[in-house]
């Protein structure tokens, strides 16, 4: 993250190496899967957020950098803290603006634009897609556990299954409609509180504590509020 000075340790290059903070100067550093950041890196990041300075490995002088930091995680901030995956003082520094992105199964209207982007920009598919494909993706019971990455793989498999430069509904993997997909969809719906009456029941059992309700259902508090407002 901080880079290192030339010859600062055995095997180090004879020239200094720029770290992530150096590279992101006057820009933005994106940290994906924050919960997997090692404790030593968390300490370095905390000190940097407090002072704006860091010290390269093997160096003695602090280096100042103007960097915006964005961190992402596939679990909630409350879980990060309660499970001690990220140190609390670092979370307090990062927890300035939280953007909760619902899983793909909760926003099926986004399946088509995400899939089209994958086809064009990642898979470089120049053919046509039947309208029935989008209807099938939106209505199938598959719970999309892999979110956008899983959708990309589904579209890749459809391309490989298509005999020509045109994707039809029949080219989509059969697993989207299997009994297992149906059962997983039911389980996801129950666990994530898709039914308003289910959320109300958990809320009542939690003495109207929204945070506790969200924890029991494994969803964010904003999802609880959104479902109850419908």
Protein backbone atom coordinates (compact mmCIF):
# COMPACT_ATOMS: atom_id res chain seq x y z
CA UNK A 1 0.00 0.00 0.00
CA UNK A 2 2.85 2.41 0.85
CA UNK A 3 5.47 1.21 -1.62
CA UNK A 4 9.10 0.87 -0.62
CA UNK A 5 12.48 2.52 -0.97
CA UNK A 6 15.21 1.01 -3.13
CA UNK A 7 17.00 -1.89 -1.45
CA UNK A 8 14.92 -1.62 1.70
CA UNK A 9 14.73 -5.41 2.16
CA UNK A 10 16.14 -8.61 0.72
CA UNK A 11 14.89 -9.04 -2.82
CA UNK A 12 13.75 -5.43 -3.19
CA UNK A 13 14.35 -3.73 -6.52
CA UNK A 14 17.23 -1.31 -6.89
CA UNK A 15 14.68 1.37 -7.68
CA UNK A 16 11.92 2.52 -5.36
CA UNK A 17 8.45 1.11 -5.97
CA UNK A 18 5.33 3.26 -5.89
CA UNK A 19 2.55 2.02 -3.63
CA UNK A 20 -1.22 2.37 -3.91
CA UNK A 21 -1.31 5.61 -1.94
CA UNK A 22 1.35 7.12 -4.18
CA UNK A 23 -0.48 6.00 -7.31
CA UNK A 24 -3.80 7.41 -6.08
CA UNK A 25 -2.44 10.86 -5.20
CA UNK A 26 -4.90 13.58 -6.27
CA UNK A 27 -7.33 10.82 -7.14
CA UNK A 28 -9.36 8.04 -5.53
CA UNK A 29 -8.24 4.79 -3.91
CA UNK A 30 -10.87 2.03 -4.12
CA UNK A 31 -10.54 -0.78 -1.57
CA UNK A 32 -12.64 -3.79 -2.52
CA UNK A 33 -13.59 -6.43 0.08
CA UNK A 34 -12.58 -4.28 3.04
CA UNK A 35 -13.15 -7.17 5.44
CA UNK A 36 -10.17 -9.02 3.90
CA UNK A 37 -7.70 -6.17 4.51
CA UNK A 38 -4.90 -7.51 6.79
CA UNK A 39 -4.59 -5.94 10.27
CA UNK A 40 -1.24 -4.35 9.43
CA UNK A 41 -2.70 -2.69 6.35
CA UNK A 42 -5.67 -1.51 8.42
CA UNK A 43 -3.26 0.19 10.82
CA UNK A 44 -1.43 1.89 7.96
CA UNK A 45 -4.71 3.05 6.42
CA UNK A 46 -5.96 4.39 9.76
CA UNK A 47 -2.84 6.47 10.28
CA UNK A 48 -3.06 7.79 6.74
CA UNK A 49 -6.72 8.79 7.13
CA UNK A 50 -5.84 10.65 10.33
CA UNK A 51 -2.79 12.55 9.07
CA UNK A 52 -2.72 12.29 5.29
CA UNK A 53 0.85 10.99 5.59
CA UNK A 54 2.48 7.59 5.16
CA UNK A 55 6.00 6.20 5.27
CA UNK A 56 7.33 3.90 2.58
CA UNK A 57 8.88 0.61 3.65
CA UNK A 58 12.52 1.30 4.37
CA UNK A 59 11.94 5.04 4.46
CA UNK A 60 12.18 7.49 7.32
CA UNK A 61 10.42 10.59 6.02
CA UNK A 62 6.62 10.87 5.90
CA UNK A 63 5.09 11.36 2.47
CA UNK A 64 1.92 13.43 2.14
CA UNK A 65 -0.79 12.39 -0.32
CA UNK A 66 -4.18 13.86 -1.18
CA UNK A 67 -6.33 10.80 -1.71
CA UNK A 68 -10.07 10.10 -1.59
CA UNK A 69 -10.77 6.64 -0.16
CA UNK A 70 -13.75 4.47 -1.08
CA UNK A 71 -14.15 1.08 0.60
CA UNK A 72 -16.54 -1.70 -0.39
CA UNK A 73 -17.68 -4.83 1.42
CA UNK A 74 -20.19 -7.58 0.80
CA UNK A 75 -21.37 -7.40 4.43
CA UNK A 76 -22.89 -4.50 6.33
CA UNK A 77 -21.01 -1.98 8.42
CA UNK A 78 -22.73 -3.35 11.54
CA UNK A 79 -21.46 -6.85 10.72
CA UNK A 80 -17.95 -5.60 10.04
CA UNK A 81 -17.87 -4.15 13.53
CA UNK A 82 -19.72 -6.86 15.43
CA UNK A 83 -17.66 -9.65 13.83
CA UNK A 84 -14.46 -7.62 14.34
CA UNK A 85 -13.51 -8.04 10.70
CA UNK A 86 -12.37 -4.39 10.57
CA UNK A 87 -11.09 -2.41 13.54
CA UNK A 88 -13.69 -0.01 14.93
CA UNK A 89 -11.56 3.13 14.78
CA UNK A 90 -10.95 2.54 11.07
CA UNK A 91 -14.66 2.05 10.45
CA UNK A 92 -15.41 5.34 12.20
CA UNK A 93 -13.00 7.06 9.83
CA UNK A 94 -14.41 5.44 6.72
CA UNK A 95 -18.08 5.54 7.74
CA UNK A 96 -18.72 9.03 6.39
CA UNK A 97 -21.13 8.24 3.58
CA UNK A 98 -22.62 4.77 3.23
CA UNK A 99 -24.19 3.67 -0.05
CA UNK A 100 -26.18 0.47 0.28
CA UNK A 101 -26.44 -1.44 -3.02
CA UNK A 102 -29.22 -4.07 -2.84
CA UNK A 103 -28.41 -7.54 -4.22
CA UNK A 104 -29.40 -8.22 -7.81
CA UNK A 105 -32.30 -10.44 -6.75
CA UNK A 106 -33.97 -7.35 -5.22
CA UNK A 107 -33.63 -5.21 -8.36
CA UNK A 108 -34.41 -7.45 -11.28
CA UNK A 109 -35.16 -4.41 -13.41
CA UNK A 110 -31.38 -3.91 -13.51
CA UNK A 111 -30.69 -7.34 -15.02
CA UNK A 112 -31.03 -6.15 -18.60
CA UNK A 113 -28.82 -3.02 -18.48
CA UNK A 114 -26.12 -4.88 -16.54
CA UNK A 115 -26.24 -7.84 -18.93
CA UNK A 116 -26.13 -5.57 -21.97
CA UNK A 117 -23.09 -3.78 -20.57
CA UNK A 118 -21.35 -7.11 -19.95
CA UNK A 119 -22.14 -8.31 -23.46
CA UNK A 120 -20.81 -5.15 -25.12
CA UNK A 121 -17.87 -4.11 -22.99
CA UNK A 122 -16.58 -7.32 -21.39
CA UNK A 123 -17.63 -10.16 -23.67
CA UNK A 124 -17.44 -8.10 -26.90
CA UNK A 125 -20.64 -9.69 -28.23
CA UNK A 126 -21.83 -7.91 -31.38
CA UNK A 127 -24.84 -10.09 -32.15
CA UNK A 128 -28.51 -9.72 -31.26
CA UNK A 129 -30.46 -10.73 -28.15
CA UNK A 130 -34.09 -11.84 -28.35
CA UNK A 131 -36.54 -9.95 -26.15
CA UNK A 132 -37.56 -13.29 -24.63
CA UNK A 133 -34.11 -13.48 -23.02
CA UNK A 134 -34.77 -10.39 -20.91
CA UNK A 135 -38.22 -11.67 -19.91
CA UNK A 136 -36.71 -15.01 -18.92
CA UNK A 137 -33.99 -13.42 -16.82
CA UNK A 138 -36.47 -11.17 -15.05
CA UNK A 139 -39.04 -13.88 -14.26
CA UNK A 140 -36.90 -16.96 -13.58
CA UNK A 141 -36.69 -18.13 -9.92
CA UNK A 142 -32.89 -18.00 -9.88
CA UNK A 143 -31.78 -15.87 -6.84
CA UNK A 144 -28.60 -14.54 -8.50
CA UNK A 145 -26.20 -15.39 -5.65
CA UNK A 146 -23.23 -14.13 -7.66
CA UNK A 147 -24.90 -10.79 -8.45
CA UNK A 148 -23.33 -8.99 -11.45
CA UNK A 149 -20.38 -11.40 -11.71
CA UNK A 150 -22.77 -14.35 -11.79
CA UNK A 151 -24.90 -12.65 -14.44
CA UNK A 152 -21.81 -12.11 -16.58
CA UNK A 153 -21.04 -15.83 -16.47
CA UNK A 154 -24.63 -16.69 -17.37
CA UNK A 155 -24.41 -14.45 -20.45
CA UNK A 156 -21.05 -15.97 -21.41
CA UNK A 157 -22.54 -19.46 -21.24
CA UNK A 158 -25.45 -18.28 -23.39
CA UNK A 159 -23.00 -16.98 -26.02
CA UNK A 160 -21.16 -20.30 -26.05
CA UNK A 161 -24.44 -22.23 -26.34
CA UNK A 162 -25.77 -20.13 -29.21
CA UNK A 163 -25.11 -21.61 -32.68
CA UNK A 164 -25.08 -18.15 -34.25
CA UNK A 165 -24.62 -14.48 -33.38
CA UNK A 166 -28.01 -14.33 -31.73
CA UNK A 167 -28.89 -15.26 -28.15
CA UNK A 168 -32.30 -16.87 -27.65
CA UNK A 169 -34.05 -17.80 -24.41
CA UNK A 170 -33.21 -21.44 -25.10
CA UNK A 171 -29.51 -20.61 -24.92
CA UNK A 172 -29.75 -19.64 -21.25
CA UNK A 173 -28.55 -22.27 -18.74
CA UNK A 174 -31.28 -24.65 -17.58
CA UNK A 175 -30.23 -24.15 -13.95
CA UNK A 176 -32.14 -20.85 -13.92
CA UNK A 177 -35.36 -22.88 -13.70
CA UNK A 178 -34.34 -25.99 -11.75
CA UNK A 179 -36.06 -27.10 -8.55
CA UNK A 180 -32.92 -26.07 -6.70
CA UNK A 181 -33.26 -22.53 -8.06
CA UNK A 182 -36.86 -22.44 -6.88
CA UNK A 183 -35.92 -23.62 -3.39
CA UNK A 184 -32.98 -21.20 -3.18
CA UNK A 185 -35.25 -18.37 -4.24
CA UNK A 186 -37.73 -19.26 -1.50
CA UNK A 187 -34.93 -19.47 1.08
CA UNK A 188 -33.46 -16.15 -0.02
CA UNK A 189 -36.87 -14.55 0.11
CA UNK A 190 -37.47 -15.76 3.66
CA UNK A 191 -33.97 -14.97 4.90
CA UNK A 192 -33.89 -11.51 3.38
CA UNK A 193 -37.39 -10.52 4.41
CA UNK A 194 -38.88 -10.03 0.95
CA UNK A 195 -42.39 -10.40 2.37
CA UNK A 196 -43.61 -7.43 4.35
CA UNK A 197 -45.58 -9.60 6.77
CA UNK A 198 -42.40 -11.57 7.49
CA UNK A 199 -40.52 -8.39 8.33
CA UNK A 200 -43.36 -7.24 10.58
CA UNK A 201 -43.27 -10.53 12.45
CA UNK A 202 -39.52 -10.27 13.06
CA UNK A 203 -39.89 -6.59 13.98
CA UNK A 204 -42.52 -7.45 16.58
CA UNK A 205 -40.35 -10.25 17.97
CA UNK A 206 -37.48 -7.74 18.21
CA UNK A 207 -39.56 -5.28 20.25
CA UNK A 208 -39.76 -2.90 17.25
CA UNK A 209 -35.97 -2.63 17.13
CA UNK A 210 -35.17 -2.01 13.46
CA UNK A 211 -31.44 -2.67 13.85
CA UNK A 212 -32.09 -6.02 15.52
CA UNK A 213 -34.67 -6.91 12.88
CA UNK A 214 -32.17 -6.18 10.12
CA UNK A 215 -29.52 -8.26 11.90
CA UNK A 216 -31.82 -11.27 12.26
CA UNK A 217 -32.87 -11.10 8.62
CA UNK A 218 -29.35 -10.47 7.36
CA UNK A 219 -30.32 -7.26 5.55
CA UNK A 220 -29.56 -3.57 5.95
CA UNK A 221 -31.77 -1.28 8.02
CA UNK A 222 -32.62 0.74 4.91
CA UNK A 223 -34.08 -2.43 3.36
CA UNK A 224 -36.34 -2.89 6.38
CA UNK A 225 -37.61 0.68 6.09
CA UNK A 226 -38.08 0.34 2.33
CA UNK A 227 -40.08 -2.87 2.60
CA UNK A 228 -42.29 -1.56 5.40
CA UNK A 229 -43.05 1.63 3.48
CA UNK A 230 -44.56 -0.28 0.55
